[in-house]
Amino acid sequence: MTVRVRFLGAARTVTGSKYLLDIDGYKLLVDCGLFQGPKQLRSRNWQDFPQDPEEVDAVLITHSHIDHIGYLPRLFRQGFRGPVYCTAVTLDLMEIMLLDSAKIQEEEAAFARKKGYSRHDNPQPLYTVEHVEALFSYIESRPANSWFELTEKITVRFLNAGHILGSSIIELELKGQSQTKRIVFSGDLGRYDQPVLRDPETVTQADVLFVESTYGDRNNPSASPKEALAEVVNETYQNGGCILIPAFALGRTQLVIYYLKELLEERKIPPMAVYIDSPMAISVTDLYKKHFKEHKLRQSELEESVFDYKGLEYCKSAKESKAINEIRKNAIIISASGMCTGGRILHHLYHRLPRESDTVLFVGYQAVGTRGRKILDKEPTIRIFGQNVPLNCNVRQITGLSAHADRSELLKWLDNFSESPKHVFITHGEPEAATALAQELIRQKDWHPVVPDYLEWYQLFDSI
């Protein structure tokens, strides 16, 4: 049995996760995400898939963030018809996330046609709701912590990664003629000792390891993110403005709601209206109740309205969303997407960025080249709907709310490996972060990690 891998995404960048394993001709894709950020990355989404999609035998999904699943409908459009495997929670979330992604693309293409700011005469979405719906009959869920067969020689297991609801570490066992080899994909690893999600599960052995490095070059601040959130809320309240929080509808929004509830009950922040302006976030929040065994919150806590309390309003319609723009003070608006790449957040930014009394608060990572990163870097104007919008508002960031393990937590998880893997690949990180983690593994463990390049092939095993 010969085994090799090709890096079709998340190589020296944090988006577009796609790893193609060729196992004696069986072609297995691990994750199938969209590229986000700079145009040179986003343009890859429109290119033909580097491998003939009809030759891909199956896809495994670690979790349901768009940079890990958002290319699936595009792959399907190009001819893929194999099974897609994930956990039951991830399957529920994928339906929400992919339909929302398709809807946003359709709306933005229509808006661009109407306003005439696209470079294309007839801008089109990457895929439509119809394409997404056709894909779902090919997606199958598998229980976590249980091995299942892809073939007689390949078995798979999903383990909790602690990153978002349903997120997984993927273990593969390859049964050769004379020996068995194990390949581990960390997926996106979560943080330890969080209030809602459980810690990442321990893995102790791998012959080949793929590990993410989003925060491979830095640690999250030791200060409490809850206290930092209170500081920003009180500061903006004193300024007589509103807070706009771009937050991923999956995971980050629910954590922010949780902390705001605690701060209000403890009277550490003044009473303020909290608007959740993301239909997707509303649907995701409901899944915390359905899958209550997948997190730390007790079912009784959920029924006691952890995500539904006085002053908290969910905006379901476009009319309700637009009405928020007229509010001038004493409001907290949470809207997707987390990196300001699309969705309702763009309309709020269009209105809020010029207002000196308002604050844009980032609670997660902002990839290089994204609109969110440009705001965080305080560029004087931000391009929205084909216009340059002046950036006059306050800009703040709380990194302690990130769903990604930081440098110390990545190393803590890696310390569980009893022996050095034969191959270690550092993925899902900007070049500086990936290189920093690689250098630390060389220094601390005498491992020999590789930071792969886009489209690069590596031979893992000549024969098993």
Protein backbone atom coordinates (compact mmCIF):
# COMPACT_ATOMS: atom_id res chain seq x y z
CA MET A 1 0.00 0.00 0.00
CA THR A 2 1.42 3.38 -1.02
CA VAL A 3 0.12 6.59 0.54
CA ARG A 4 0.66 10.21 -0.42
CA VAL A 5 -1.00 13.54 0.32
CA ARG A 6 -1.58 16.75 -1.60
CA PHE A 7 -2.30 20.07 0.08
CA LEU A 8 -5.20 21.72 -1.74
CA GLY A 9 -5.78 24.37 0.93
CA ALA A 10 -4.87 25.65 4.41
CA ALA A 11 -1.21 25.59 3.37
CA ARG A 12 0.43 28.77 4.68
CA THR A 13 -3.03 30.26 5.14
CA VAL A 14 -5.94 29.72 7.55
CA THR A 15 -8.63 29.12 4.96
CA GLY A 16 -9.62 26.66 2.26
CA SER A 17 -8.87 23.50 4.26
CA LYS A 18 -8.54 20.56 1.85
CA TYR A 19 -6.16 17.60 2.13
CA LEU A 20 -6.24 14.92 -0.56
CA LEU A 21 -4.99 11.49 0.45
CA ASP A 22 -4.19 8.97 -2.28
CA ILE A 23 -4.22 5.55 -0.59
CA ASP A 24 -3.33 2.96 -3.21
CA GLY A 25 -5.55 4.82 -5.68
CA TYR A 26 -8.40 5.42 -3.23
CA LYS A 27 -8.77 9.21 -3.16
CA LEU A 28 -9.96 10.58 0.17
CA LEU A 29 -10.50 14.30 0.74
CA VAL A 30 -10.30 15.56 4.33
CA ASP A 31 -12.28 18.81 4.63
CA CYS A 32 -13.54 20.82 1.67
CA GLY A 33 -13.43 24.49 2.59
CA LEU A 34 -13.70 27.82 0.83
CA PHE A 35 -10.77 30.18 0.55
CA GLN A 36 -11.34 33.56 2.20
CA GLY A 37 -9.32 36.74 2.47
CA PRO A 38 -7.19 38.26 -0.32
CA LYS A 39 -8.44 38.12 -3.88
CA GLN A 40 -5.62 35.80 -4.94
CA LEU A 41 -6.91 33.27 -2.42
CA ARG A 42 -10.61 33.77 -3.17
CA SER A 43 -9.96 33.33 -6.88
CA ARG A 44 -9.01 29.71 -6.20
CA ASN A 45 -12.66 29.01 -5.36
CA TRP A 46 -13.54 29.67 -8.98
CA GLN A 47 -10.77 27.55 -10.48
CA ASP A 48 -11.29 23.94 -11.48
CA PHE A 49 -10.60 21.53 -8.65
CA PRO A 50 -6.96 20.32 -8.94
CA GLN A 51 -8.12 16.68 -8.92
CA ASP A 52 -10.90 15.35 -11.15
CA PRO A 53 -13.89 15.55 -8.75
CA GLU A 54 -15.38 12.39 -10.23
CA GLU A 55 -12.28 10.50 -9.06
CA VAL A 56 -12.67 11.55 -5.41
CA ASP A 57 -14.03 8.49 -3.59
CA ALA A 58 -15.13 10.10 -0.29
CA VAL A 59 -14.87 13.21 1.89
CA LEU A 60 -14.37 13.46 5.66
CA ILE A 61 -15.35 16.67 7.45
CA THR A 62 -13.80 17.85 10.74
CA HIS A 63 -16.36 20.58 11.45
CA SER A 64 -18.86 22.91 9.84
CA HIS A 65 -17.11 26.26 9.50
CA ILE A 66 -17.24 27.51 5.92
CA ASP A 67 -13.47 27.38 5.49
CA HIS A 68 -13.82 23.61 6.04
CA ILE A 69 -17.10 22.82 4.23
CA GLY A 70 -17.91 25.75 1.95
CA TYR A 71 -16.44 24.22 -1.23
CA LEU A 72 -18.54 21.02 -1.03
CA PRO A 73 -21.39 22.32 -3.27
CA ARG A 74 -18.82 23.52 -5.80
CA LEU A 75 -17.15 20.09 -5.78
CA PHE A 76 -20.56 18.53 -6.30
CA ARG A 77 -21.25 20.86 -9.23
CA GLN A 78 -18.01 19.67 -10.84
CA GLY A 79 -19.00 16.00 -10.70
CA PHE A 80 -18.25 14.58 -7.23
CA ARG A 81 -20.85 11.98 -6.20
CA GLY A 82 -19.17 10.09 -3.38
CA PRO A 83 -20.22 9.94 0.30
CA VAL A 84 -19.42 12.72 2.77
CA TYR A 85 -18.91 11.60 6.39
CA CYS A 86 -19.13 13.70 9.56
CA THR A 87 -20.67 13.62 13.05
CA ALA A 88 -24.44 14.02 13.55
CA VAL A 89 -23.99 17.49 15.06
CA THR A 90 -21.82 18.58 12.16
CA LEU A 91 -24.42 17.32 9.69
CA ASP A 92 -27.13 19.42 11.35
CA LEU A 93 -24.87 22.45 11.32
CA MET A 94 -23.74 21.89 7.73
CA GLU A 95 -27.31 22.15 6.53
CA ILE A 96 -27.65 25.55 8.21
CA MET A 97 -24.21 26.83 7.18
CA LEU A 98 -24.25 25.75 3.53
CA LEU A 99 -27.78 26.94 2.85
CA ASP A 100 -26.89 30.29 4.43
CA SER A 101 -23.68 30.47 2.39
CA ALA A 102 -25.58 29.82 -0.84
CA LYS A 103 -28.29 32.32 0.03
CA ILE A 104 -25.72 35.04 0.80
CA GLN A 105 -23.92 34.39 -2.49
CA GLU A 106 -27.17 34.59 -4.44
CA GLU A 107 -28.16 37.83 -2.68
CA GLU A 108 -24.74 39.44 -3.15
CA ALA A 109 -24.67 38.52 -6.85
CA ALA A 110 -28.14 40.01 -7.29
CA PHE A 111 -27.16 43.14 -5.33
CA ALA A 112 -24.01 43.55 -7.43
CA ARG A 113 -26.05 43.27 -10.62
CA LYS A 114 -28.52 45.83 -9.35
CA LYS A 115 -25.89 48.34 -8.20
CA GLY A 116 -23.49 47.67 -11.05
CA TYR A 117 -20.32 47.56 -8.96
CA SER A 118 -19.14 44.13 -10.09
CA ARG A 119 -16.43 43.80 -12.74
CA HIS A 120 -18.59 41.14 -14.37
CA ASP A 121 -21.54 42.03 -16.59
CA ASN A 122 -23.68 39.33 -15.00
CA PRO A 123 -22.17 38.33 -11.62
CA GLN A 124 -23.09 34.82 -10.51
CA PRO A 125 -22.87 32.98 -7.18
CA LEU A 126 -20.31 30.23 -6.71
CA TYR A 127 -23.26 27.92 -6.06
CA THR A 128 -26.96 28.22 -5.28
CA VAL A 129 -29.42 26.90 -2.71
CA GLU A 130 -30.51 24.33 -5.30
CA HIS A 131 -26.96 22.99 -5.55
CA VAL A 132 -26.68 22.71 -1.77
CA GLU A 133 -29.97 20.87 -1.43
CA ALA A 134 -28.89 18.34 -4.05
CA LEU A 135 -25.72 17.64 -2.09
CA PHE A 136 -27.39 16.63 1.19
CA SER A 137 -28.43 13.14 0.05
CA TYR A 138 -24.70 12.30 -0.16
CA ILE A 139 -23.85 13.33 3.43
CA GLU A 140 -23.88 10.64 6.12
CA SER A 141 -23.34 11.02 9.86
CA ARG A 142 -21.32 8.64 12.01
CA PRO A 143 -21.19 8.43 15.83
CA ALA A 144 -18.24 10.07 17.54
CA ASN A 145 -15.67 7.84 19.25
CA SER A 146 -16.61 4.84 17.09
CA TRP A 147 -14.55 3.31 14.31
CA PHE A 148 -16.23 2.77 10.93
CA GLU A 149 -14.99 1.37 7.63
CA LEU A 150 -14.39 3.30 4.44
CA THR A 151 -12.89 0.21 2.83
CA GLU A 152 -11.57 -3.10 4.12
CA LYS A 153 -8.21 -1.41 4.62
CA ILE A 154 -9.28 2.06 5.85
CA THR A 155 -11.15 2.77 9.10
CA VAL A 156 -12.04 6.17 10.57
CA ARG A 157 -12.91 7.64 13.96
CA PHE A 158 -14.11 11.12 14.98
CA LEU A 159 -12.95 12.50 18.36
CA ASN A 160 -14.06 15.75 20.02
CA ALA A 161 -11.82 18.70 19.04
CA GLY A 162 -13.45 21.25 21.38
CA HIS A 163 -13.44 23.99 18.72
CA ILE A 164 -17.16 24.36 17.98
CA LEU A 165 -20.20 22.20 18.54
CA GLY A 166 -19.58 18.87 16.82
CA SER A 167 -15.98 19.64 15.81
CA SER A 168 -13.73 16.61 15.40
CA ILE A 169 -10.23 15.31 15.33
CA ILE A 170 -10.04 12.63 12.64
CA GLU A 171 -8.11 9.39 13.09
CA LEU A 172 -7.45 7.07 10.15
CA GLU A 173 -6.13 3.53 10.43
CA LEU A 174 -4.59 2.00 7.32
CA LYS A 175 -4.25 -1.78 7.37
CA GLY A 176 -1.45 -2.88 5.09
CA GLN A 177 -0.17 -6.36 4.32
CA SER A 178 2.38 -6.35 7.13
CA GLN A 179 1.54 -3.42 9.41
CA THR A 180 -1.05 -0.84 10.44
CA LYS A 181 -0.43 2.91 10.23
CA ARG A 182 -2.35 5.74 11.86
CA ILE A 183 -2.92 9.20 10.36
CA VAL A 184 -4.32 11.99 12.57
CA PHE A 185 -5.85 15.30 11.48
CA SER A 186 -6.25 17.70 14.39
CA GLY A 187 -8.89 19.76 12.60
CA ASP A 188 -9.25 23.08 14.38
CA LEU A 189 -8.45 22.51 18.04
CA GLY A 190 -10.41 24.31 20.74
CA ARG A 191 -9.29 25.79 24.02
CA TYR A 192 -9.05 24.16 27.41
CA ASP A 193 -11.27 24.98 30.41
CA GLN A 194 -13.96 26.83 28.46
CA PRO A 195 -17.43 27.49 29.95
CA VAL A 196 -19.47 25.85 27.19
CA LEU A 197 -17.42 23.34 25.17
CA ARG A 198 -15.45 20.38 26.46
CA ASP A 199 -11.66 20.12 26.17
CA PRO A 200 -10.10 18.58 23.05
CA GLU A 201 -9.72 14.82 23.41
CA THR A 202 -6.27 13.37 23.95
CA VAL A 203 -4.48 11.56 21.13
CA THR A 204 -1.27 9.72 21.99
CA GLN A 205 -0.04 8.10 18.80
CA ALA A 206 0.25 8.90 15.10
CA ASP A 207 2.52 7.88 12.27
CA VAL A 208 1.44 10.97 10.35
CA LEU A 209 0.10 14.11 12.03
CA PHE A 210 -1.56 17.17 10.52
CA VAL A 211 -1.92 19.94 13.12
CA GLU A 212 -3.40 23.41 12.79
CA SER A 213 -1.40 26.53 13.71
CA THR A 214 -3.84 29.47 13.67
CA TYR A 215 -2.26 30.80 16.87
CA GLY A 216 1.02 28.96 16.53
CA ASP A 217 3.02 32.12 17.23
CA ARG A 218 1.13 33.61 20.17
CA ASN A 219 -0.74 33.00 23.40
CA ASN A 220 -4.10 34.44 24.27
CA PRO A 221 -4.01 37.10 26.98
CA SER A 222 -4.25 35.79 30.53
CA ALA A 223 -6.83 38.46 31.38
CA SER A 224 -10.44 37.30 31.53
CA PRO A 225 -12.27 37.82 28.21
CA LYS A 226 -15.42 38.39 30.23
CA GLU A 227 -13.85 41.33 32.06
CA ALA A 228 -12.45 42.69 28.79
CA LEU A 229 -15.93 42.49 27.28
CA ALA A 230 -17.33 44.44 30.25
CA GLU A 231 -14.70 47.14 29.76
CA VAL A 232 -15.62 47.68 26.09
CA VAL A 233 -19.36 47.70 26.85
CA ASN A 234 -18.95 50.29 29.61
CA GLU A 235 -16.63 52.43 27.50
CA THR A 236 -19.09 52.53 24.59
CA TYR A 237 -22.01 53.19 26.93
CA GLN A 238 -20.17 56.23 28.28
CA ASN A 239 -19.52 57.39 24.71
CA GLY A 240 -23.25 57.26 24.01
CA GLY A 241 -22.88 54.79 21.18
CA CYS A 242 -23.55 51.20 20.13
CA ILE A 243 -21.32 48.14 19.89
CA LEU A 244 -21.21 46.11 16.70
CA ILE A 245 -19.74 42.62 17.14
CA PRO A 246 -18.96 40.66 13.98
CA ALA A 247 -19.18 37.09 15.25
CA PHE A 248 -19.30 33.67 13.70
CA ALA A 249 -22.87 32.46 14.00
CA LEU A 250 -21.54 29.10 15.09
CA GLY A 251 -19.86 29.07 18.50
CA ARG A 252 -18.65 32.61 19.03
CA THR A 253 -22.11 34.19 19.05
CA GLN A 254 -23.34 31.76 21.70
CA LEU A 255 -20.28 32.37 23.90
CA VAL A 256 -20.71 36.14 23.72
CA ILE A 257 -24.41 35.81 24.62
CA TYR A 258 -23.45 33.61 27.57
CA TYR A 259 -20.93 36.16 28.90
CA LEU A 260 -23.29 39.12 28.40
CA LYS A 261 -25.97 37.35 30.42
CA GLU A 262 -23.53 36.80 33.29
CA LEU A 263 -22.31 40.41 33.18
CA LEU A 264 -25.88 41.75 33.22
CA GLU A 265 -26.83 39.53 36.15
CA GLU A 266 -23.70 40.57 38.05
CA ARG A 267 -24.47 44.23 37.22
CA LYS A 268 -21.02 44.74 35.77
CA ILE A 269 -22.53 46.36 32.67
CA PRO A 270 -25.58 48.64 32.37
CA PRO A 271 -28.82 47.27 30.92
CA MET A 272 -28.48 47.40 27.14
CA ALA A 273 -30.51 45.90 24.35
CA VAL A 274 -28.75 42.96 22.70
CA TYR A 275 -29.68 42.20 19.08
CA ILE A 276 -28.72 38.91 17.44
CA ASP A 277 -28.98 39.81 13.78
CA SER A 278 -28.20 36.54 12.09
CA PRO A 279 -30.89 34.05 11.09
CA MET A 280 -28.18 31.41 11.01
CA ALA A 281 -27.13 32.17 14.59
CA ILE A 282 -30.73 31.70 15.70
CA SER A 283 -30.88 28.26 14.10
CA VAL A 284 -27.48 27.28 15.51
CA THR A 285 -28.49 28.33 19.02
CA ASP A 286 -31.47 25.98 18.83
CA LEU A 287 -29.07 23.10 18.16
CA TYR A 288 -27.42 23.63 21.55
CA LYS A 289 -30.71 22.46 23.00
CA LYS A 290 -31.01 19.51 20.63
CA HIS A 291 -27.44 18.33 21.19
CA PHE A 292 -27.10 19.20 24.87
CA LYS A 293 -24.87 16.16 25.52
CA GLU A 294 -22.21 17.68 23.28
CA HIS A 295 -21.33 20.57 25.61
CA LYS A 296 -21.07 21.46 29.29
CA LEU A 297 -24.35 23.33 29.67
CA ARG A 298 -27.01 21.28 31.41
CA GLN A 299 -30.36 20.83 29.70
CA SER A 300 -31.97 22.62 32.65
CA GLU A 301 -29.71 25.62 32.07
CA LEU A 302 -30.76 25.80 28.44
CA GLU A 303 -34.42 25.64 29.41
CA GLU A 304 -33.74 28.47 31.87
CA SER A 305 -32.83 30.65 28.90
CA VAL A 306 -29.05 30.82 28.79
CA PHE A 307 -29.51 32.04 25.21
CA ASP A 308 -32.81 33.84 25.72
CA TYR A 309 -33.13 36.49 28.43
CA LYS A 310 -34.62 39.92 29.04
CA GLY A 311 -33.23 42.51 26.65
CA LEU A 312 -32.03 39.90 24.14
CA GLU A 313 -33.78 40.06 20.77
CA TYR A 314 -33.38 37.81 17.74
CA CYS A 315 -33.88 39.60 14.43
CA LYS A 316 -35.33 37.20 11.89
CA SER A 317 -36.51 39.48 9.11
CA ALA A 318 -34.66 41.93 6.88
CA LYS A 319 -37.02 44.65 8.12
CA GLU A 320 -36.00 44.04 11.73
CA SER A 321 -32.35 44.07 10.68
CA LYS A 322 -32.63 47.42 8.89
CA ALA A 323 -34.42 48.98 11.87
CA ILE A 324 -31.32 48.39 14.01
CA ASN A 325 -29.39 50.91 11.90
CA GLU A 326 -31.57 53.69 13.31
CA ILE A 327 -30.51 52.96 16.91
CA ARG A 328 -27.94 55.49 18.05
CA LYS A 329 -26.96 54.36 21.56
CA ASN A 330 -27.19 51.73 24.31
CA ALA A 331 -27.33 48.69 22.06
CA ILE A 332 -25.12 45.68 21.35
CA ILE A 333 -25.48 44.20 17.86
CA ILE A 334 -24.08 40.74 17.11
CA SER A 335 -24.10 39.81 13.45
CA ALA A 336 -22.34 37.44 11.04
CA SER A 337 -19.94 36.96 9.40
CA GLY A 338 -17.07 36.93 11.84
CA MET A 339 -14.50 38.26 9.37
CA CYS A 340 -16.96 40.69 7.74
CA THR A 341 -16.80 38.88 4.42
CA GLY A 342 -20.54 38.87 3.77
CA GLY A 343 -24.02 38.76 5.23
CA ARG A 344 -25.99 41.28 7.26
CA ILE A 345 -22.88 42.56 9.02
CA LEU A 346 -21.99 44.53 5.89
CA HIS A 347 -25.08 46.73 6.15
CA HIS A 348 -24.34 47.43 9.82
CA LEU A 349 -20.72 48.28 9.07
CA TYR A 350 -21.83 50.60 6.28
CA HIS A 351 -23.84 52.61 8.82
CA ARG A 352 -21.65 52.22 11.93
CA LEU A 353 -18.10 52.75 10.69
CA PRO A 354 -18.52 56.52 10.16
CA ARG A 355 -19.99 57.08 13.67
CA GLU A 356 -17.37 58.22 16.19
CA SER A 357 -19.41 57.14 19.21
CA ASP A 358 -19.83 53.54 18.01
CA THR A 359 -17.44 50.63 18.52
CA VAL A 360 -16.67 47.65 16.33
CA LEU A 361 -15.57 44.83 18.62
CA PHE A 362 -13.80 41.80 17.17
CA VAL A 363 -14.02 38.61 19.19
CA GLY A 364 -12.16 36.26 16.85
CA TYR A 365 -9.31 35.84 14.42
CA GLN A 366 -9.21 38.09 11.35
CA ALA A 367 -7.40 36.51 8.42
CA VAL A 368 -5.03 38.58 6.31
CA GLY A 369 -6.84 40.32 3.46
CA THR A 370 -10.34 40.06 4.92
CA ARG A 371 -12.48 43.12 5.47
CA GLY A 372 -12.34 42.42 9.19
CA ARG A 373 -8.55 42.53 9.17
CA LYS A 374 -8.59 45.85 7.32
CA ILE A 375 -10.90 47.32 9.96
CA LEU A 376 -8.76 45.90 12.75
CA ASP A 377 -5.70 47.48 11.11
CA LYS A 378 -7.67 50.76 11.07
CA GLU A 379 -7.35 51.51 7.40
CA PRO A 380 -8.86 54.99 6.76
CA THR A 381 -11.61 53.70 4.47
CA ILE A 382 -13.26 50.32 4.06
CA ARG A 383 -14.70 49.11 0.77
CA ILE A 384 -18.36 48.06 1.19
CA PHE A 385 -20.91 47.70 -1.62
CA GLY A 386 -18.50 49.29 -4.06
CA GLN A 387 -18.03 52.41 -1.90
CA ASN A 388 -15.20 53.62 0.33
CA VAL A 389 -16.72 54.02 3.78
CA PRO A 390 -14.75 56.22 6.25
CA LEU A 391 -13.57 54.42 9.38
CA ASN A 392 -14.29 56.86 12.24
CA CYS A 393 -15.62 54.50 14.91
CA ASN A 394 -13.64 52.91 17.73
CA VAL A 395 -12.11 49.50 16.99
CA ARG A 396 -11.42 46.97 19.73
CA GLN A 397 -10.50 43.29 19.87
CA ILE A 398 -10.85 40.60 22.53
CA THR A 399 -8.66 37.63 21.61
CA GLY A 400 -9.48 35.57 24.70
CA LEU A 401 -12.83 34.63 23.16
CA SER A 402 -11.20 32.79 20.27
CA ALA A 403 -12.38 29.23 19.68
CA HIS A 404 -8.85 28.28 18.56
CA ALA A 405 -6.22 26.82 20.85
CA ASP A 406 -3.37 29.27 21.34
CA ARG A 407 0.33 28.37 21.15
CA SER A 408 0.55 26.98 24.68
CA GLU A 409 -2.65 24.95 24.24
CA LEU A 410 -1.47 23.52 20.92
CA LEU A 411 1.74 22.43 22.62
CA LYS A 412 -0.24 21.00 25.54
CA TRP A 413 -2.26 18.84 23.13
CA LEU A 414 0.88 17.80 21.24
CA ASP A 415 2.62 16.82 24.49
CA ASN A 416 0.28 13.83 24.71
CA PHE A 417 2.03 12.06 21.84
CA SER A 418 4.22 9.34 23.29
CA GLU A 419 6.53 9.17 20.27
CA SER A 420 7.47 11.44 17.42
CA PRO A 421 5.30 10.89 14.32
CA LYS A 422 7.18 9.97 11.18
CA HIS A 423 5.63 12.97 9.40
CA VAL A 424 4.31 16.17 11.00
CA PHE A 425 2.63 18.80 8.82
CA ILE A 426 1.86 22.27 10.16
CA THR A 427 -1.29 23.57 8.45
CA HIS A 428 -4.09 26.14 8.79
CA GLY A 429 -1.87 29.07 9.78
CA GLU A 430 -0.41 32.19 8.25
CA PRO A 431 3.28 31.66 7.33
CA GLU A 432 4.59 33.35 10.48
CA ALA A 433 2.34 31.34 12.80
CA ALA A 434 2.99 28.01 11.09
CA THR A 435 6.75 28.55 10.99
CA ALA A 436 6.85 29.61 14.64
CA LEU A 437 5.06 26.44 15.76
CA ALA A 438 7.33 24.30 13.58
CA GLN A 439 10.44 25.88 15.11
CA GLU A 440 9.09 25.30 18.61
CA LEU A 441 8.46 21.61 17.89
CA ILE A 442 12.03 21.30 16.62
CA ARG A 443 13.37 22.99 19.75
CA GLN A 444 11.18 21.26 22.33
CA LYS A 445 10.65 17.81 20.85
CA ASP A 446 13.28 17.35 18.18
CA TRP A 447 10.46 16.64 15.73
CA HIS A 448 10.92 17.36 12.04
CA PRO A 449 7.75 19.25 10.99
CA VAL A 450 7.01 20.51 7.51
CA VAL A 451 5.09 23.66 6.58
CA PRO A 452 3.72 22.59 3.17
CA ASP A 453 3.04 24.74 0.15
CA TYR A 454 -0.22 24.94 -1.80
CA LEU A 455 -0.68 22.03 -4.25
CA GLU A 456 2.44 20.27 -2.96
CA TRP A 457 2.54 16.44 -2.92
CA TYR A 458 4.23 14.42 -0.15
CA GLN A 459 4.92 10.70 -0.09
CA LEU A 460 3.85 9.33 3.29
CA PHE A 461 4.48 5.60 2.86
CA ASP A 462 6.15 3.76 -0.02
CA SER A 463 4.72 0.46 1.14
CA ILE A 464 2.79 -0.84 4.15
